[in-house]
Amino acid sequence: MYHKAYGIIETLAPLHIGASAGEETGNLNLIFRDQFTQTGIIPGSSIRGRFRADMRTNERGLENKWYGQEAIEISEDTEEQSETPEAPEADRTKTAKKRKDTTEALVKFEYASLVWLPVFCPGQPIVWVTCPRLLKRYKLIVPHLTSVAVPSAYTAAKSLKARQVEGTTKKILFFNLGFLEIENLVEGDVIKPWIPEGVDLQPENLVIVADNDMAMLHDMALYRQSRVKLADDEKKVDGGAFFNVEALPEGTILVFAIALKQTGWKPFGEMNIQDLYFGGLESIGFGHCRVTLSGAYQ
């Protein structure tokens, strides 16, 4: 029996977790993606590594208890007998063998998937989009949504700031690659339960799109940066080396599930919220996130 908890991640800066930043010509450093929706994820191993490193810094020693002991070599003495079974004890020799010993983690992390993703709309306010498949995973993780129905595709609040379709109750959003028609306009209270606690989002800025639209909108929303390697002694590109980086944009909301074999886990001390850095390129401003924990973990 596991105790269930979950974490909400809000990106405060672009977040890149995926291919490492190299210097190969034309290298595109892609982020990790969910295999079905093709949207960005944070692998459970990355979340575990961040929590482990943070606890090692603040409460050294406890990281082995909660996240499992690393594979370390332990020497043990063994006796080797001669080929004759009745050989006297004097003929037995002791040798030192090494084995690797690990322990099971008391805290288990699942990958973090998108809940809401900000997308730029020309001439309109930024909207946060999601799709029914992502909301279904969010519903499985967050206990208070058990009896709440997942909104259908192309749903938004009546207060959504978008162009009204003349002669109908429908509204249209304009993205860089075309128009998106919102078919189902509902009261803001229908969408409000899907805003994670502590996240500053308003129902009038949220849109649920179809699962097969999510990958295209996701690629439109990604933060991209082209980078070059300069020569050591002058401001000049070194050998034409450049590489491109993509990242989840600032304001992205993700959720991850946590399972605990026992309670009493306090990664942030007595608090349930902490700023952490995930992924790579931290030295140039990537990876700053705010993490909020909820559920039966303490």
Protein backbone atom coordinates (compact mmCIF):
# COMPACT_ATOMS: atom_id res chain seq x y z
CA MET A 1 0.00 0.00 0.00
CA TYR A 2 1.41 3.37 -1.05
CA HIS A 3 0.57 6.81 0.24
CA LYS A 4 -0.38 9.05 -2.69
CA ALA A 5 0.84 12.57 -3.28
CA TYR A 6 1.49 14.78 -6.27
CA GLY A 7 3.47 17.80 -7.33
CA ILE A 8 2.64 20.83 -9.47
CA ILE A 9 5.46 22.47 -11.44
CA GLU A 10 5.13 26.02 -12.73
CA THR A 11 7.96 27.17 -14.98
CA LEU A 12 9.32 30.61 -14.10
CA ALA A 13 11.83 30.49 -16.97
CA PRO A 14 12.20 28.38 -20.13
CA LEU A 15 12.69 24.71 -19.25
CA HIS A 16 14.93 22.42 -21.32
CA ILE A 17 15.15 18.73 -20.44
CA GLY A 18 16.34 16.58 -23.29
CA ALA A 19 19.32 16.49 -25.62
CA SER A 20 22.43 17.98 -24.04
CA ALA A 21 23.84 21.23 -25.39
CA GLY A 22 26.59 20.28 -27.80
CA GLU A 23 28.65 22.21 -30.28
CA GLU A 24 27.96 20.13 -33.37
CA THR A 25 27.07 22.12 -36.47
CA GLY A 26 23.30 22.21 -36.91
CA ASN A 27 22.58 20.31 -33.69
CA LEU A 28 18.98 20.76 -32.53
CA ASN A 29 18.67 20.10 -28.81
CA LEU A 30 15.15 18.66 -28.54
CA ILE A 31 13.15 18.30 -25.33
CA PHE A 32 11.71 15.00 -24.10
CA ARG A 33 8.15 14.41 -25.33
CA ASP A 34 5.18 12.27 -24.43
CA GLN A 35 4.84 9.55 -27.07
CA PHE A 36 1.10 10.09 -27.65
CA THR A 37 0.47 13.84 -27.49
CA GLN A 38 4.04 14.80 -28.48
CA THR A 39 4.08 17.38 -25.69
CA GLY A 40 6.98 18.12 -23.39
CA ILE A 41 7.55 16.08 -20.23
CA ILE A 42 9.98 15.94 -17.32
CA PRO A 43 11.13 12.32 -16.79
CA GLY A 44 10.72 10.89 -13.30
CA SER A 45 14.48 10.34 -13.13
CA SER A 46 15.08 14.08 -13.61
CA ILE A 47 12.62 14.96 -10.84
CA ARG A 48 14.16 12.37 -8.49
CA GLY A 49 17.67 13.61 -9.23
CA ARG A 50 16.71 17.22 -8.46
CA PHE A 51 15.03 16.29 -5.16
CA ARG A 52 17.93 14.03 -4.20
CA ALA A 53 20.53 16.72 -4.88
CA ASP A 54 18.53 19.31 -2.95
CA MET A 55 18.19 17.05 0.11
CA ARG A 56 21.87 16.11 -0.06
CA THR A 57 22.74 19.80 0.18
CA ASN A 58 20.39 20.63 3.06
CA GLU A 59 20.07 17.37 5.02
CA ARG A 60 22.99 15.19 4.03
CA GLY A 61 22.42 11.49 4.67
CA LEU A 62 18.63 11.51 4.46
CA GLU A 63 18.75 11.28 0.65
CA ASN A 64 19.82 7.61 0.92
CA LYS A 65 16.83 6.80 3.13
CA TRP A 66 14.16 8.42 0.94
CA TYR A 67 15.56 8.09 -2.60
CA GLY A 68 17.55 4.89 -2.27
CA GLN A 69 21.22 4.26 -1.69
CA GLU A 70 23.46 4.61 -4.71
CA ALA A 71 25.27 1.57 -6.07
CA ILE A 72 28.41 1.41 -3.90
CA GLU A 73 31.05 -1.30 -3.74
CA ILE A 74 31.15 -3.32 -0.49
CA SER A 75 34.03 -5.68 0.27
CA GLU A 76 33.24 -9.03 1.82
CA ASP A 77 35.52 -11.92 2.81
CA THR A 78 34.82 -15.32 1.26
CA GLU A 79 36.51 -18.67 1.71
CA GLU A 80 37.76 -20.73 -1.22
CA GLN A 81 38.30 -24.46 -0.72
CA SER A 82 40.69 -26.73 -2.56
CA GLU A 83 39.21 -29.24 -5.00
CA THR A 84 39.39 -31.99 -2.33
CA PRO A 85 36.22 -31.84 -0.21
CA GLU A 86 37.95 -33.19 2.89
CA ALA A 87 40.76 -30.65 2.73
CA PRO A 88 41.81 -29.36 6.16
CA GLU A 89 40.88 -25.85 7.16
CA ALA A 90 44.49 -24.78 6.74
CA ASP A 91 44.16 -25.35 2.98
CA ARG A 92 41.27 -22.87 2.74
CA THR A 93 42.14 -19.39 1.58
CA LYS A 94 40.29 -16.15 2.22
CA THR A 95 39.74 -13.72 -0.61
CA ALA A 96 38.09 -10.28 -0.69
CA LYS A 97 35.28 -9.92 -3.18
CA LYS A 98 33.42 -6.75 -4.02
CA ARG A 99 29.70 -6.47 -4.63
CA LYS A 100 27.41 -3.56 -5.39
CA ASP A 101 24.60 -2.91 -2.94
CA THR A 102 21.56 -0.66 -3.42
CA THR A 103 18.38 0.00 -1.45
CA GLU A 104 14.82 0.61 -2.62
CA ALA A 105 13.60 4.22 -2.61
CA LEU A 106 10.78 5.10 -0.23
CA VAL A 107 9.65 7.87 -2.62
CA LYS A 108 8.76 7.06 -6.22
CA PHE A 109 8.25 9.69 -8.91
CA GLU A 110 6.32 9.46 -12.16
CA TYR A 111 7.02 11.74 -15.11
CA ALA A 112 5.55 15.24 -15.18
CA SER A 113 3.08 15.93 -18.00
CA LEU A 114 1.50 19.16 -19.19
CA VAL A 115 -1.65 20.54 -17.64
CA TRP A 116 -1.66 24.02 -19.26
CA LEU A 117 0.62 25.47 -21.92
CA PRO A 118 0.75 29.21 -22.79
CA VAL A 119 0.39 30.03 -26.49
CA PHE A 120 0.76 33.42 -28.17
CA CYS A 121 -2.24 34.67 -30.16
CA PRO A 122 -1.48 37.67 -32.44
CA GLY A 123 -3.58 40.67 -31.44
CA GLN A 124 -5.17 38.79 -28.54
CA PRO A 125 -4.25 37.92 -24.95
CA ILE A 126 -2.11 34.85 -24.34
CA VAL A 127 -4.18 31.71 -23.82
CA TRP A 128 -3.28 28.50 -22.01
CA VAL A 129 -4.24 25.33 -23.87
CA THR A 130 -4.61 21.68 -22.95
CA CYS A 131 -6.42 18.63 -24.34
CA PRO A 132 -8.69 15.90 -22.93
CA ARG A 133 -5.92 13.29 -22.83
CA LEU A 134 -3.68 15.49 -20.67
CA LEU A 135 -6.60 16.39 -18.40
CA LYS A 136 -7.45 12.69 -17.95
CA ARG A 137 -3.95 12.04 -16.59
CA TYR A 138 -4.26 15.08 -14.35
CA LYS A 139 -7.60 13.72 -13.09
CA LEU A 140 -6.00 10.35 -12.24
CA ILE A 141 -3.33 12.07 -10.16
CA VAL A 142 -5.37 14.74 -8.32
CA PRO A 143 -7.94 13.19 -5.93
CA HIS A 144 -10.50 16.04 -5.77
CA LEU A 145 -11.26 15.65 -9.51
CA THR A 146 -12.53 12.06 -9.23
CA SER A 147 -16.19 12.99 -9.81
CA VAL A 148 -15.54 15.90 -12.22
CA ALA A 149 -16.15 15.26 -15.93
CA VAL A 150 -13.31 16.04 -18.33
CA PRO A 151 -14.32 18.90 -20.65
CA SER A 152 -14.70 18.00 -24.32
CA ALA A 153 -12.50 19.36 -27.08
CA TYR A 154 -12.94 22.97 -28.23
CA THR A 155 -14.30 24.15 -24.89
CA ALA A 156 -13.64 27.52 -23.26
CA ALA A 157 -15.29 29.94 -20.86
CA LYS A 158 -17.93 32.32 -22.17
CA SER A 159 -15.69 35.14 -20.97
CA LEU A 160 -12.88 34.07 -23.34
CA LYS A 161 -11.54 37.14 -25.12
CA ALA A 162 -11.88 36.05 -28.76
CA ARG A 163 -13.73 37.06 -31.92
CA GLN A 164 -17.43 36.21 -31.95
CA VAL A 165 -18.68 34.28 -34.99
CA GLU A 166 -21.50 36.37 -36.43
CA GLY A 167 -24.92 34.78 -36.05
CA THR A 168 -23.69 32.02 -33.68
CA THR A 169 -22.59 31.55 -30.09
CA LYS A 170 -19.17 30.31 -31.21
CA LYS A 171 -15.86 32.17 -30.92
CA ILE A 172 -12.67 32.01 -32.98
CA LEU A 173 -9.07 32.19 -31.81
CA PHE A 174 -6.32 33.22 -34.22
CA PHE A 175 -2.97 31.45 -33.91
CA ASN A 176 0.12 31.83 -36.10
CA LEU A 177 -0.87 28.84 -38.22
CA GLY A 178 -4.57 29.53 -38.57
CA PHE A 179 -7.93 29.83 -36.83
CA LEU A 180 -9.38 27.65 -34.08
CA GLU A 181 -13.14 27.59 -33.60
CA ILE A 182 -14.41 27.22 -30.03
CA GLU A 183 -17.63 25.22 -30.20
CA ASN A 184 -18.49 24.81 -26.52
CA LEU A 185 -18.71 27.97 -24.44
CA VAL A 186 -19.37 27.24 -20.76
CA GLU A 187 -19.44 29.07 -17.45
CA GLY A 188 -16.07 29.75 -15.87
CA ASP A 189 -16.96 27.51 -12.90
CA VAL A 190 -16.87 24.48 -15.24
CA ILE A 191 -13.20 25.10 -16.07
CA LYS A 192 -12.07 26.45 -12.69
CA PRO A 193 -11.62 22.98 -11.04
CA TRP A 194 -8.93 22.22 -13.62
CA ILE A 195 -6.71 25.07 -12.42
CA PRO A 196 -4.17 23.64 -9.94
CA GLU A 197 -4.29 25.12 -6.45
CA GLY A 198 -1.88 28.01 -6.02
CA VAL A 199 -1.55 28.67 -9.78
CA ASP A 200 -2.57 32.14 -10.94
CA LEU A 201 -4.66 31.32 -14.03
CA GLN A 202 -8.08 32.68 -14.92
CA PRO A 203 -10.83 30.63 -16.67
CA GLU A 204 -11.22 33.30 -19.39
CA ASN A 205 -7.67 32.52 -20.59
CA LEU A 206 -8.02 28.73 -20.78
CA VAL A 207 -8.95 26.63 -23.83
CA ILE A 208 -9.35 22.85 -24.23
CA VAL A 209 -8.44 21.72 -27.76
CA ALA A 210 -8.61 18.32 -29.44
CA ASP A 211 -5.91 15.73 -28.76
CA ASN A 212 -4.76 15.78 -32.39
CA ASP A 213 -4.38 19.59 -32.31
CA MET A 214 -2.20 19.63 -29.22
CA ALA A 215 1.09 18.65 -30.88
CA MET A 216 0.89 21.47 -33.44
CA LEU A 217 -0.04 24.11 -30.85
CA HIS A 218 2.73 22.78 -28.59
CA ASP A 219 5.36 23.30 -31.29
CA MET A 220 4.08 26.84 -31.87
CA ALA A 221 4.38 27.62 -28.17
CA LEU A 222 7.92 26.32 -27.56
CA TYR A 223 10.69 28.73 -26.63
CA ARG A 224 13.54 28.49 -29.15
CA GLN A 225 17.00 29.97 -29.07
CA SER A 226 19.88 29.74 -31.55
CA ARG A 227 23.29 29.70 -29.91
CA VAL A 228 26.87 29.80 -31.18
CA LYS A 229 30.25 29.03 -29.69
CA LEU A 230 32.58 32.01 -29.78
CA ALA A 231 36.34 31.83 -30.05
CA ASP A 232 38.20 32.10 -26.75
CA ASP A 233 40.18 35.23 -27.64
CA GLU A 234 37.75 37.22 -29.81
CA LYS A 235 34.06 37.78 -30.39
CA LYS A 236 33.90 35.55 -33.42
CA VAL A 237 32.07 32.32 -34.13
CA ASP A 238 34.47 29.44 -33.57
CA GLY A 239 34.54 27.35 -36.73
CA GLY A 240 30.92 28.06 -37.63
CA ALA A 241 29.65 25.95 -34.73
CA PHE A 242 26.04 26.66 -33.78
CA PHE A 243 23.22 24.79 -32.14
CA ASN A 244 19.54 25.41 -31.52
CA VAL A 245 17.74 24.87 -28.22
CA GLU A 246 14.02 24.40 -27.62
CA ALA A 247 12.31 24.62 -24.24
CA LEU A 248 8.92 24.72 -22.58
CA PRO A 249 7.97 28.40 -22.18
CA GLU A 250 7.66 30.39 -19.00
CA GLY A 251 4.22 29.92 -17.44
CA THR A 252 3.85 26.22 -18.31
CA ILE A 253 2.02 24.11 -15.71
CA LEU A 254 2.87 20.41 -15.23
CA VAL A 255 1.80 17.67 -12.81
CA PHE A 256 3.60 14.54 -11.54
CA ALA A 257 2.47 11.70 -9.31
CA ILE A 258 4.34 10.63 -6.16
CA ALA A 259 4.04 7.30 -4.29
CA LEU A 260 5.48 6.87 -0.79
CA LYS A 261 6.04 3.67 1.17
CA GLN A 262 5.85 5.68 4.39
CA THR A 263 4.89 9.20 5.40
CA GLY A 264 7.20 11.72 7.04
CA TRP A 265 8.95 12.81 3.84
CA LYS A 266 9.76 16.53 4.17
CA PRO A 267 11.85 17.59 1.17
CA PHE A 268 11.14 21.28 1.79
CA GLY A 269 11.21 21.16 5.58
CA GLU A 270 7.89 22.39 6.99
CA MET A 271 6.92 24.06 3.71
CA ASN A 272 5.15 22.53 0.72
CA ILE A 273 6.44 24.95 -1.91
CA GLN A 274 9.98 25.54 -3.16
CA ASP A 275 11.82 27.07 -6.11
CA LEU A 276 14.01 24.48 -7.84
CA TYR A 277 16.06 24.27 -11.04
CA PHE A 278 15.39 21.40 -13.45
CA GLY A 279 17.19 20.32 -16.60
CA GLY A 280 20.18 21.87 -18.28
CA LEU A 281 21.42 25.34 -19.22
CA GLU A 282 20.82 26.69 -15.72
CA SER A 283 23.80 29.03 -16.06
CA ILE A 284 22.05 30.99 -18.83
CA GLY A 285 18.68 31.26 -17.10
CA PHE A 286 16.89 28.03 -18.02
CA GLY A 287 15.13 25.64 -15.65
CA HIS A 288 13.82 27.90 -12.85
CA CYS A 289 10.56 26.35 -11.57
CA ARG A 290 8.23 26.58 -8.59
CA VAL A 291 7.20 23.20 -7.17
CA THR A 292 4.17 22.72 -4.92
CA LEU A 293 3.55 19.38 -3.15
CA SER A 294 0.11 18.14 -2.09
CA GLY A 295 -1.34 14.95 -0.68
CA ALA A 296 -0.35 12.50 2.08
CA TYR A 297 3.40 12.89 2.05
CA GLN A 298 4.29 14.39 5.47
